[in-house]
Amino acid sequence: MNALFVGAVTPHGPTDELSVSHSGGGKFVVKYTIPHDTEALIFVKYGDGQIPGSPFPVRPAHENGGGKEYNDRI
């Protein structure tokens, strides 16, 4: 059985909040909070191997309350 692992890291360290949910058809939704206005790297691993392109760089899209919202598709 293979497991999906997802992590988000910034220059300040790993994120505190990250969730993964299955949306059907082999697709997953990853939600995370980056507390600083900075770029981040999203690492995605399935089973023993990294997903091609991982880690994925992400940047803030716009203000969303007290934090930033990231709108990248990987």
N, C-alpha and C. Protein backbone atom coordinates (compact mmCIF):
# COMPACT_ATOMS: atom_id res chain seq x y z
N MET A 1 0.84 -1.18 0.00
CA MET A 1 0.00 0.00 0.00
C MET A 1 0.88 1.24 0.00
N ASN A 2 0.58 2.18 -0.89
CA ASN A 2 1.33 3.43 -0.97
C ASN A 2 0.63 4.53 -0.20
N ALA A 3 1.42 5.40 0.39
CA ALA A 3 0.87 6.53 1.15
C ALA A 3 1.29 7.83 0.48
N LEU A 4 0.45 8.84 0.62
CA LEU A 4 0.73 10.17 0.11
C LEU A 4 1.26 11.02 1.26
N PHE A 5 2.41 11.66 1.04
CA PHE A 5 3.01 12.55 2.03
C PHE A 5 3.14 13.93 1.41
N VAL A 6 2.72 14.96 2.14
CA VAL A 6 2.80 16.34 1.66
C VAL A 6 3.35 17.20 2.79
N GLY A 7 4.29 18.08 2.46
CA GLY A 7 4.84 19.00 3.44
C GLY A 7 5.10 20.35 2.81
N ALA A 8 5.03 21.40 3.61
CA ALA A 8 5.31 22.76 3.14
C ALA A 8 6.38 23.37 4.04
N VAL A 9 7.41 23.95 3.40
CA VAL A 9 8.54 24.52 4.13
C VAL A 9 8.82 25.93 3.60
N THR A 10 9.10 26.85 4.52
CA THR A 10 9.49 28.22 4.17
C THR A 10 10.91 28.45 4.68
N PRO A 11 11.50 29.60 4.36
CA PRO A 11 12.81 29.91 4.94
C PRO A 11 12.77 29.99 6.47
N HIS A 12 11.56 30.13 7.05
CA HIS A 12 11.40 30.19 8.51
C HIS A 12 11.17 28.82 9.13
N GLY A 13 11.08 27.77 8.30
CA GLY A 13 10.84 26.42 8.81
C GLY A 13 9.56 25.83 8.24
N PRO A 14 9.16 24.65 8.74
CA PRO A 14 7.95 24.00 8.23
C PRO A 14 6.69 24.76 8.66
N THR A 15 5.63 24.59 7.87
CA THR A 15 4.36 25.23 8.21
C THR A 15 3.71 24.51 9.38
N ASP A 16 2.89 25.23 10.13
CA ASP A 16 2.19 24.65 11.27
C ASP A 16 0.89 23.97 10.85
N GLU A 17 0.25 24.48 9.81
CA GLU A 17 -1.05 23.98 9.40
C GLU A 17 -1.00 23.47 7.97
N LEU A 18 -1.38 22.21 7.76
CA LEU A 18 -1.45 21.62 6.44
C LEU A 18 -2.44 20.47 6.50
N SER A 19 -3.33 20.41 5.51
CA SER A 19 -4.28 19.29 5.45
C SER A 19 -4.37 18.80 4.01
N VAL A 20 -4.67 17.51 3.87
CA VAL A 20 -4.82 16.88 2.56
C VAL A 20 -6.16 16.16 2.56
N SER A 21 -6.96 16.39 1.51
CA SER A 21 -8.22 15.67 1.38
C SER A 21 -8.36 15.13 -0.03
N HIS A 22 -8.97 13.96 -0.16
CA HIS A 22 -9.19 13.33 -1.45
C HIS A 22 -10.43 13.93 -2.09
N SER A 23 -10.31 14.40 -3.33
CA SER A 23 -11.45 15.02 -4.00
C SER A 23 -12.04 14.12 -5.08
N GLY A 24 -11.52 12.88 -5.19
CA GLY A 24 -12.04 11.93 -6.16
C GLY A 24 -11.21 11.89 -7.43
N GLY A 25 -11.31 10.78 -8.13
CA GLY A 25 -10.60 10.65 -9.40
C GLY A 25 -9.10 10.72 -9.29
N GLY A 26 -8.55 10.31 -8.16
CA GLY A 26 -7.10 10.36 -7.98
C GLY A 26 -6.56 11.76 -7.73
N LYS A 27 -7.44 12.72 -7.40
CA LYS A 27 -7.01 14.09 -7.14
C LYS A 27 -7.14 14.39 -5.65
N PHE A 28 -6.24 15.26 -5.17
CA PHE A 28 -6.21 15.64 -3.77
C PHE A 28 -6.15 17.16 -3.65
N VAL A 29 -6.74 17.68 -2.60
CA VAL A 29 -6.68 19.11 -2.30
C VAL A 29 -5.78 19.28 -1.08
N VAL A 30 -4.79 20.15 -1.21
CA VAL A 30 -3.87 20.44 -0.12
C VAL A 30 -4.12 21.88 0.33
N LYS A 31 -4.39 22.06 1.61
CA LYS A 31 -4.58 23.40 2.18
C LYS A 31 -3.50 23.61 3.23
N TYR A 32 -2.89 24.77 3.19
CA TYR A 32 -1.82 25.06 4.14
C TYR A 32 -1.79 26.54 4.45
N THR A 33 -1.21 26.88 5.57
CA THR A 33 -1.07 28.27 6.00
C THR A 33 0.40 28.60 6.12
N ILE A 34 0.80 29.67 5.45
CA ILE A 34 2.16 30.18 5.55
C ILE A 34 2.06 31.47 6.36
N PRO A 35 2.58 31.50 7.60
CA PRO A 35 2.38 32.67 8.45
C PRO A 35 3.21 33.89 8.05
N HIS A 36 4.14 33.74 7.15
CA HIS A 36 5.00 34.86 6.75
C HIS A 36 4.76 35.16 5.27
N ASP A 37 4.97 36.39 4.87
CA ASP A 37 4.85 36.79 3.47
C ASP A 37 6.13 36.37 2.76
N THR A 38 6.17 35.11 2.37
CA THR A 38 7.39 34.55 1.79
C THR A 38 7.04 33.42 0.84
N GLU A 39 7.99 33.04 0.04
CA GLU A 39 7.82 31.87 -0.81
C GLU A 39 7.90 30.61 0.04
N ALA A 40 7.38 29.52 -0.50
CA ALA A 40 7.42 28.24 0.19
C ALA A 40 7.69 27.14 -0.82
N LEU A 41 8.08 25.98 -0.32
CA LEU A 41 8.25 24.79 -1.14
C LEU A 41 7.27 23.74 -0.66
N ILE A 42 6.54 23.12 -1.60
CA ILE A 42 5.61 22.05 -1.29
C ILE A 42 6.25 20.75 -1.76
N PHE A 43 6.48 19.84 -0.83
CA PHE A 43 7.06 18.54 -1.14
C PHE A 43 5.93 17.51 -1.20
N VAL A 44 5.90 16.71 -2.28
CA VAL A 44 4.87 15.69 -2.44
C VAL A 44 5.56 14.37 -2.76
N LYS A 45 5.24 13.36 -1.95
CA LYS A 45 5.82 12.03 -2.11
C LYS A 45 4.68 11.01 -2.09
N TYR A 46 4.73 10.05 -3.01
CA TYR A 46 3.75 8.97 -3.04
C TYR A 46 4.51 7.66 -2.99
N GLY A 47 4.24 6.87 -1.97
CA GLY A 47 5.00 5.64 -1.79
C GLY A 47 6.44 5.99 -1.47
N ASP A 48 7.36 5.38 -2.21
CA ASP A 48 8.79 5.61 -1.98
C ASP A 48 9.38 6.72 -2.83
N GLY A 49 8.60 7.29 -3.76
CA GLY A 49 9.18 8.25 -4.68
C GLY A 49 8.56 9.63 -4.63
N GLN A 50 9.38 10.63 -4.96
CA GLN A 50 8.88 12.00 -5.08
C GLN A 50 8.01 12.10 -6.33
N ILE A 51 6.95 12.90 -6.27
CA ILE A 51 6.14 13.20 -7.44
C ILE A 51 7.01 14.05 -8.37
N PRO A 52 6.99 13.79 -9.69
CA PRO A 52 7.81 14.60 -10.61
C PRO A 52 7.54 16.09 -10.44
N GLY A 53 8.61 16.86 -10.33
CA GLY A 53 8.51 18.30 -10.13
C GLY A 53 8.60 18.73 -8.68
N SER A 54 8.45 17.78 -7.75
CA SER A 54 8.52 18.09 -6.32
C SER A 54 9.97 18.29 -5.92
N PRO A 55 10.26 19.31 -5.13
CA PRO A 55 9.37 20.26 -4.47
C PRO A 55 8.89 21.34 -5.43
N PHE A 56 7.65 21.81 -5.19
CA PHE A 56 7.02 22.82 -6.02
C PHE A 56 7.13 24.18 -5.32
N PRO A 57 7.70 25.19 -5.98
CA PRO A 57 7.75 26.52 -5.37
C PRO A 57 6.38 27.19 -5.48
N VAL A 58 5.94 27.85 -4.42
CA VAL A 58 4.68 28.59 -4.43
C VAL A 58 4.92 29.98 -3.86
N ARG A 59 4.09 30.91 -4.29
CA ARG A 59 4.18 32.30 -3.84
C ARG A 59 2.81 32.79 -3.42
N PRO A 60 2.73 33.78 -2.54
CA PRO A 60 1.42 34.32 -2.14
C PRO A 60 0.71 34.93 -3.34
N ALA A 61 -0.61 34.68 -3.44
CA ALA A 61 -1.40 35.22 -4.53
C ALA A 61 -2.00 36.57 -4.15
N HIS A 62 -2.57 36.68 -2.95
CA HIS A 62 -3.19 37.93 -2.50
C HIS A 62 -3.47 37.85 -1.01
N GLU A 63 -3.80 38.97 -0.45
CA GLU A 63 -4.14 39.03 0.98
C GLU A 63 -5.42 38.25 1.24
N ASN A 64 -5.47 37.56 2.36
CA ASN A 64 -6.66 36.81 2.76
C ASN A 64 -6.75 36.91 4.28
N GLY A 65 -7.38 37.97 4.78
CA GLY A 65 -7.43 38.15 6.22
C GLY A 65 -6.06 38.49 6.75
N GLY A 66 -5.61 37.75 7.76
CA GLY A 66 -4.31 38.01 8.36
C GLY A 66 -3.17 37.31 7.68
N GLY A 67 -3.45 36.40 6.75
CA GLY A 67 -2.37 35.65 6.11
C GLY A 67 -2.40 35.83 4.61
N LYS A 68 -1.85 34.88 3.92
CA LYS A 68 -1.81 34.91 2.46
C LYS A 68 -2.53 33.68 1.93
N GLU A 69 -3.08 33.82 0.74
CA GLU A 69 -3.70 32.68 0.08
C GLU A 69 -2.84 32.30 -1.11
N TYR A 70 -2.55 31.02 -1.24
CA TYR A 70 -1.74 30.51 -2.34
C TYR A 70 -2.66 29.77 -3.29
N ASN A 71 -2.56 30.06 -4.58
CA ASN A 71 -3.46 29.48 -5.57
C ASN A 71 -2.70 28.76 -6.67
N ASP A 72 -1.81 27.89 -6.33
CA ASP A 72 -1.03 27.18 -7.34
C ASP A 72 -1.60 25.79 -7.57
N ARG A 73 -1.57 25.35 -8.82
CA ARG A 73 -1.98 23.98 -9.16
C ARG A 73 -0.72 23.21 -9.50
N ILE A 74 -0.57 22.07 -8.86
CA ILE A 74 0.61 21.25 -9.13
C ILE A 74 0.18 19.86 -9.52
